Amino acid sequence: MNKRADDGLVAALERCNIHPLWDRYKRITPVAPQPKDPPMHWRWRDIEPFAERAAREVGIEDVERRALILANPAFGGETITTQNLIGAFTVLEPGDKALPHRHSAAAIRFATRAEGAVTIVNGRRCDMKAGDLVLTPPMCWHGHINEGSRRTVWFDAANMPAICALDASFFEPGTRHDERFWDVSDQGASEYRFPGEEMRRRLADAPPGPDGARTVRYTKHNGSVMPTLDLYRTKVTRKTRAKRATCNAICLVVAGQGRSTVGERSFEWSQDDVFTIPHWTWASHEALGVADLLVVTDRPIYERLELLREELE
């Protein structure tokens, strides 16, 4: 490497914990976002055997949650699905109770194989029927119970990585033996529960968007469901135009089969598969017939910081 005239000055500055801008500005201000994680795809057929093992081998009384979190190895062993977000599947056996707790991360539950499961949020009972979405907003007490006769499974998503990156995480456990937590009604549950049948109707009536897919947004007060999480349902009937955005997304296949091209990777997916769309990565989708996707994003973070940028190819 050629010696520079300012090498001595740079070394002296660094010894004093001062960095010169002129020799590293390209590292400090990249010309475009550069996601560290490649797109990932998890097949439900690979996850299901682990869900069965977890149900048999992990007692709910011994753990905070019996959940399987999808981890992208690009984050060096950190429990992250894509930047700012995690996706997971939670498993409950009949009679299981996942004790109440609360935290500063925003989270959602989407019922996949969850008939008989109930989530209680801030004293409101939210039944989890196929396709239902349940919100657990930041610092809301929430717990889960399987009141049915079969194993239940649902999809979780949360923004714990974003909250931890900001070092703003608070967690408060509840008590395992307070039966008053479970003795609640469903009155007022609409604050936290979005019925699946209603969203299916909205999706069927939605016009095609600029990318060719029919998309509806879960909303509260005409905005995102929570200040740091934004959710959508997308119906794909033909190949969509590729698009990218500065926000990150996790996609759950609610129904159907198809293929997505995300960056340089292509995934063939089917029901209950999960795949990621890292920020600033081109993505397009194609269904074999008709497919329905749940899309969980951290879009509001970028909107509120005026960092959201979107492009359509």
Protein backbone atom coordinates (compact mmCIF):
# COMPACT_ATOMS: atom_id res chain seq x y z
CA MET A 1 0.00 0.00 0.00
CA ASN A 2 1.35 3.42 -0.94
CA LYS A 3 2.34 5.66 1.95
CA ARG A 4 0.21 8.78 2.24
CA ALA A 5 1.40 12.16 3.38
CA ASP A 6 -1.18 12.21 6.17
CA ASP A 7 -0.50 8.69 7.54
CA GLY A 8 1.21 10.06 10.62
CA LEU A 9 -1.65 12.48 11.31
CA VAL A 10 -4.29 9.75 10.87
CA ALA A 11 -2.44 7.45 13.26
CA ALA A 12 -2.12 10.21 15.85
CA LEU A 13 -5.81 11.05 15.59
CA GLU A 14 -6.84 7.42 16.00
CA ARG A 15 -4.69 7.07 19.13
CA CYS A 16 -6.73 9.94 20.58
CA ASN A 17 -10.05 8.35 19.53
CA ILE A 18 -10.59 10.90 16.79
CA HIS A 19 -11.34 9.79 13.24
CA PRO A 20 -10.66 11.91 10.15
CA LEU A 21 -13.62 12.08 7.79
CA TRP A 22 -11.53 12.49 4.65
CA ASP A 23 -10.13 8.96 4.56
CA ARG A 24 -13.34 7.05 5.45
CA TYR A 25 -16.34 9.06 4.28
CA LYS A 26 -17.41 6.30 1.87
CA ARG A 27 -17.70 3.88 4.79
CA ILE A 28 -19.68 6.39 6.85
CA THR A 29 -22.05 7.45 4.06
CA PRO A 30 -22.65 4.54 1.61
CA VAL A 31 -24.21 5.55 -1.70
CA ALA A 32 -27.18 3.15 -1.16
CA PRO A 33 -28.48 0.71 1.46
CA GLN A 34 -26.53 -2.55 1.63
CA PRO A 35 -28.47 -5.27 3.47
CA LYS A 36 -26.18 -7.74 5.22
CA ASP A 37 -28.72 -10.56 5.00
CA PRO A 38 -29.55 -12.46 1.82
CA PRO A 39 -33.21 -13.42 1.36
CA MET A 40 -34.16 -16.59 3.23
CA HIS A 41 -36.90 -19.23 2.85
CA TRP A 42 -38.15 -21.65 5.50
CA ARG A 43 -40.49 -24.48 4.43
CA TRP A 44 -43.27 -25.50 6.78
CA ARG A 45 -42.58 -29.14 5.95
CA ASP A 46 -39.12 -28.68 7.49
CA ILE A 47 -40.43 -26.72 10.50
CA GLU A 48 -43.33 -29.02 11.40
CA PRO A 49 -41.23 -31.96 12.70
CA PHE A 50 -39.43 -29.56 15.05
CA ALA A 51 -42.79 -28.18 16.21
CA GLU A 52 -43.87 -31.72 17.04
CA ARG A 53 -40.62 -32.44 18.91
CA ALA A 54 -40.87 -29.18 20.86
CA ALA A 55 -44.45 -30.02 21.87
CA ARG A 56 -43.32 -33.42 23.18
CA GLU A 57 -39.98 -32.50 24.72
CA VAL A 58 -40.42 -28.96 26.11
CA GLY A 59 -42.89 -28.52 28.96
CA ILE A 60 -44.77 -25.24 28.79
CA GLU A 61 -44.38 -24.90 32.57
CA ASP A 62 -40.59 -24.79 32.13
CA VAL A 63 -40.32 -22.01 29.51
CA GLU A 64 -41.49 -18.49 28.79
CA ARG A 65 -42.75 -19.46 25.31
CA ARG A 66 -42.54 -22.62 23.23
CA ALA A 67 -41.61 -20.82 20.03
CA LEU A 68 -39.36 -21.65 17.08
CA ILE A 69 -37.71 -18.48 15.76
CA LEU A 70 -36.48 -18.34 12.16
CA ALA A 71 -32.87 -17.13 12.20
CA ASN A 72 -30.86 -15.85 9.25
CA PRO A 73 -27.20 -16.98 9.59
CA ALA A 74 -26.03 -13.70 8.05
CA PHE A 75 -26.45 -12.12 11.49
CA GLY A 76 -23.72 -14.27 13.00
CA GLY A 77 -25.84 -16.35 15.35
CA GLU A 78 -28.08 -13.48 16.49
CA THR A 79 -31.79 -14.34 16.72
CA ILE A 80 -32.87 -12.20 13.76
CA THR A 81 -35.00 -13.18 10.77
CA THR A 82 -34.36 -10.05 8.73
CA GLN A 83 -33.08 -6.68 9.91
CA ASN A 84 -35.35 -5.27 12.66
CA LEU A 85 -37.76 -8.25 12.60
CA ILE A 86 -38.20 -11.81 13.81
CA GLY A 87 -40.67 -14.43 12.62
CA ALA A 88 -41.55 -17.58 14.55
CA PHE A 89 -44.08 -20.34 15.13
CA THR A 90 -45.54 -20.94 18.61
CA VAL A 91 -46.80 -24.38 19.64
CA LEU A 92 -49.32 -25.19 22.38
CA GLU A 93 -50.62 -28.59 23.44
CA PRO A 94 -54.22 -28.94 24.72
CA GLY A 95 -54.51 -27.28 28.09
CA ASP A 96 -51.19 -25.43 27.80
CA LYS A 97 -50.99 -21.89 29.13
CA ALA A 98 -48.19 -19.56 28.04
CA LEU A 99 -47.94 -17.29 31.07
CA PRO A 100 -48.55 -13.55 30.72
CA HIS A 101 -45.77 -11.07 30.16
CA ARG A 102 -45.25 -7.73 28.47
CA HIS A 103 -42.42 -6.04 26.59
CA SER A 104 -41.59 -2.91 24.66
CA ALA A 105 -41.40 -4.74 21.33
CA ALA A 106 -44.49 -4.75 19.10
CA ALA A 107 -45.71 -8.21 18.09
CA ILE A 108 -48.47 -9.97 16.16
CA ARG A 109 -49.97 -13.47 16.09
CA PHE A 110 -51.48 -14.90 12.91
CA ALA A 111 -53.57 -18.07 13.28
CA THR A 112 -52.39 -20.87 11.00
CA ARG A 113 -53.30 -24.16 12.75
CA ALA A 114 -54.69 -22.46 15.83
CA GLU A 115 -58.33 -23.57 16.27
CA GLY A 116 -58.94 -23.65 20.01
CA ALA A 117 -56.17 -21.21 20.89
CA VAL A 118 -56.87 -17.93 22.67
CA THR A 119 -54.64 -14.90 23.18
CA ILE A 120 -55.52 -12.53 26.00
CA VAL A 121 -54.37 -8.94 25.51
CA ASN A 122 -54.83 -6.33 28.24
CA GLY A 123 -57.83 -8.14 29.69
CA ARG A 124 -59.47 -8.88 26.34
CA ARG A 125 -60.06 -12.42 25.09
CA CYS A 126 -59.08 -12.88 21.41
CA ASP A 127 -60.09 -16.22 19.87
CA MET A 128 -57.69 -17.41 17.18
CA LYS A 129 -59.58 -18.89 14.25
CA ALA A 130 -58.00 -19.60 10.85
CA GLY A 131 -56.59 -16.40 9.37
CA ASP A 132 -57.23 -14.23 12.43
CA LEU A 133 -54.63 -11.63 13.35
CA VAL A 134 -54.06 -10.63 16.98
CA LEU A 135 -51.98 -7.61 18.00
CA THR A 136 -49.89 -7.41 21.15
CA PRO A 137 -48.86 -3.74 21.23
CA PRO A 138 -45.85 -2.54 23.24
CA MET A 139 -46.16 -3.01 27.02
CA CYS A 140 -49.56 -4.72 26.79
CA TRP A 141 -49.97 -7.75 29.03
CA HIS A 142 -50.58 -10.85 26.94
CA GLY A 143 -50.71 -14.61 27.35
CA HIS A 144 -51.93 -17.64 25.42
CA ILE A 145 -53.97 -20.75 26.15
CA ASN A 146 -55.01 -23.80 24.14
CA GLU A 147 -58.61 -24.59 25.07
CA GLY A 148 -59.05 -27.11 22.27
CA SER A 149 -58.41 -30.84 21.99
CA ARG A 150 -55.59 -30.61 19.43
CA ARG A 151 -52.15 -29.06 19.17
CA THR A 152 -52.26 -25.43 18.03
CA VAL A 153 -49.68 -23.53 16.01
CA TRP A 154 -49.59 -19.90 14.97
CA PHE A 155 -47.16 -17.52 13.29
CA ASP A 156 -45.57 -14.75 15.33
CA ALA A 157 -43.72 -11.66 14.16
CA ALA A 158 -42.11 -8.93 16.25
CA ASN A 159 -39.62 -6.08 16.03
CA MET A 160 -37.41 -7.12 18.94
CA PRO A 161 -34.18 -6.69 16.90
CA ALA A 162 -35.06 -3.05 16.22
CA ILE A 163 -35.89 -2.38 19.86
CA CYS A 164 -32.69 -4.10 21.03
CA ALA A 165 -30.59 -2.18 18.47
CA LEU A 166 -31.92 1.01 20.04
CA ASP A 167 -31.24 -0.49 23.50
CA ALA A 168 -34.81 0.39 24.45
CA SER A 169 -36.02 -3.08 25.44
CA PHE A 170 -38.00 -3.59 28.63
CA PHE A 171 -39.49 -6.94 29.65
CA GLU A 172 -41.79 -7.69 32.57
CA PRO A 173 -42.78 -11.28 33.40
CA GLY A 174 -46.16 -12.11 34.87
CA THR A 175 -47.01 -14.73 37.46
CA ARG A 176 -47.77 -18.29 36.49
CA HIS A 177 -50.43 -18.81 39.13
CA ASP A 178 -52.64 -15.72 38.80
CA GLU A 179 -55.87 -17.25 37.44
CA ARG A 180 -57.52 -13.83 37.28
CA PHE A 181 -55.54 -13.10 34.11
CA TRP A 182 -57.46 -15.82 32.23
CA ASP A 183 -60.93 -14.91 33.54
CA VAL A 184 -61.88 -12.30 30.94
CA SER A 185 -64.47 -11.71 28.24
CA ASP A 186 -64.16 -10.97 24.52
CA GLN A 187 -65.84 -7.58 24.91
CA GLY A 188 -63.56 -5.01 23.31
CA ALA A 189 -61.42 -7.65 21.59
CA SER A 190 -61.83 -5.82 18.28
CA GLU A 191 -59.16 -3.41 19.48
CA TYR A 192 -56.62 -6.20 19.08
CA ARG A 193 -58.20 -8.83 16.79
CA PHE A 194 -58.73 -8.71 13.02
CA PRO A 195 -61.06 -11.55 11.89
CA GLY A 196 -59.70 -13.60 9.02
CA GLU A 197 -63.01 -13.77 7.19
CA GLU A 198 -63.25 -9.98 7.05
CA MET A 199 -59.75 -9.65 5.58
CA ARG A 200 -60.50 -12.35 3.01
CA ARG A 201 -63.56 -10.37 1.87
CA ARG A 202 -61.56 -7.16 1.63
CA LEU A 203 -58.86 -8.92 -0.34
CA ALA A 204 -61.38 -10.38 -2.79
CA ASP A 205 -62.79 -6.88 -3.46
CA ALA A 206 -59.44 -5.08 -3.73
CA PRO A 207 -58.41 -3.76 -7.18
CA PRO A 208 -54.99 -4.65 -8.60
CA GLY A 209 -52.23 -2.30 -7.52
CA PRO A 210 -49.39 -0.87 -9.62
CA ASP A 211 -47.38 -4.08 -9.19
CA GLY A 212 -50.31 -6.26 -10.38
CA ALA A 213 -51.15 -7.77 -6.97
CA ARG A 214 -54.27 -7.09 -4.92
CA THR A 215 -53.15 -5.73 -1.57
CA VAL A 216 -55.02 -4.59 1.54
CA ARG A 217 -53.55 -3.06 4.65
CA TYR A 218 -54.38 -3.87 8.26
CA THR A 219 -55.13 -0.47 9.76
CA LYS A 220 -56.03 1.26 13.01
CA HIS A 221 -57.25 4.85 12.95
CA ASN A 222 -56.39 4.97 9.21
CA GLY A 223 -52.74 4.23 9.91
CA SER A 224 -50.48 1.28 10.61
CA VAL A 225 -51.69 -1.19 13.25
CA MET A 226 -48.83 -0.18 15.53
CA PRO A 227 -46.33 2.70 15.41
CA THR A 228 -43.43 0.42 14.40
CA LEU A 229 -45.14 -2.46 12.54
CA ASP A 230 -47.20 -2.37 9.34
CA LEU A 231 -49.04 -5.40 7.92
CA TYR A 232 -50.58 -6.28 4.59
CA ARG A 233 -52.39 -9.12 2.86
CA THR A 234 -51.49 -9.65 -0.80
CA LYS A 235 -53.41 -11.75 -3.31
CA VAL A 236 -51.26 -12.89 -6.22
CA THR A 237 -52.89 -14.17 -9.41
CA ARG A 238 -50.16 -13.43 -11.95
CA LYS A 239 -46.52 -12.44 -11.99
CA THR A 240 -46.08 -9.13 -10.21
CA ARG A 241 -43.75 -6.33 -11.18
CA ALA A 242 -40.61 -6.22 -9.08
CA LYS A 243 -40.42 -3.57 -6.38
CA ARG A 244 -38.08 -2.63 -3.57
CA ALA A 245 -38.18 -0.41 -0.52
CA THR A 246 -35.93 0.78 2.29
CA CYS A 247 -38.02 -1.23 4.79
CA ASN A 248 -37.76 -4.95 5.56
CA ALA A 249 -40.46 -7.61 5.23
CA ILE A 250 -41.30 -11.13 6.36
CA CYS A 251 -43.85 -12.99 4.24
CA LEU A 252 -46.05 -15.88 5.42
CA VAL A 253 -47.83 -17.93 2.75
CA VAL A 254 -51.42 -17.99 4.01
CA ALA A 255 -52.72 -20.05 1.09
CA GLY A 256 -51.67 -21.31 -2.32
CA GLN A 257 -48.41 -22.09 -4.04
CA GLY A 258 -46.02 -20.05 -6.11
CA ARG A 259 -42.58 -18.63 -6.59
CA SER A 260 -40.86 -15.44 -5.51
CA THR A 261 -37.70 -13.93 -6.88
CA VAL A 262 -35.99 -11.88 -4.18
CA GLY A 263 -32.68 -10.35 -5.13
CA GLU A 264 -30.65 -13.09 -6.78
CA ARG A 265 -32.61 -15.93 -5.15
CA SER A 266 -35.83 -17.70 -6.18
CA PHE A 267 -38.07 -19.60 -3.77
CA GLU A 268 -40.86 -22.05 -4.56
CA TRP A 269 -43.27 -21.80 -1.68
CA SER A 270 -46.50 -23.33 -0.39
CA GLN A 271 -48.88 -22.85 2.54
CA ASP A 272 -47.29 -21.80 5.86
CA ASP A 273 -43.83 -21.30 4.32
CA VAL A 274 -42.02 -18.12 5.34
CA PHE A 275 -39.56 -16.00 3.36
CA THR A 276 -37.88 -12.64 3.80
CA ILE A 277 -37.49 -9.54 1.66
CA PRO A 278 -34.50 -7.59 3.02
CA HIS A 279 -34.53 -3.83 2.62
CA TRP A 280 -33.63 -2.35 -0.76
CA THR A 281 -33.92 -5.74 -2.48
CA TRP A 282 -35.98 -6.29 -5.64
CA ALA A 283 -38.83 -8.77 -5.16
CA SER A 284 -41.54 -10.17 -7.44
CA HIS A 285 -44.08 -12.96 -6.94
CA GLU A 286 -45.90 -15.45 -9.14
CA ALA A 287 -48.69 -17.82 -8.05
CA LEU A 288 -49.66 -21.24 -9.33
CA GLY A 289 -53.29 -20.19 -9.62
CA VAL A 290 -54.10 -17.92 -6.68
CA ALA A 291 -51.99 -17.28 -3.59
CA ASP A 292 -52.46 -15.23 -0.43
CA LEU A 293 -49.51 -13.72 1.49
CA LEU A 294 -49.29 -12.03 4.87
CA VAL A 295 -46.57 -9.35 4.73
CA VAL A 296 -45.13 -7.98 7.99
CA THR A 297 -42.94 -4.89 7.67
CA ASP A 298 -41.08 -2.29 9.71
CA ARG A 299 -42.24 0.40 7.29
CA PRO A 300 -43.54 2.88 9.92
CA ILE A 301 -40.05 3.25 11.38
CA TYR A 302 -38.75 4.47 8.03
CA GLU A 303 -41.82 6.61 7.37
CA ARG A 304 -41.56 8.43 10.68
CA LEU A 305 -37.85 9.06 10.15
CA GLU A 306 -38.53 10.22 6.56
CA LEU A 307 -36.25 7.45 5.28
CA LEU A 308 -38.85 5.50 3.28
CA ARG A 309 -38.06 5.12 -0.41
CA GLU A 310 -39.85 2.75 -2.79
CA GLU A 311 -39.26 1.82 -6.42
CA LEU A 312 -41.20 -0.22 -8.98
CA GLU A 313 -39.27 -1.86 -11.79
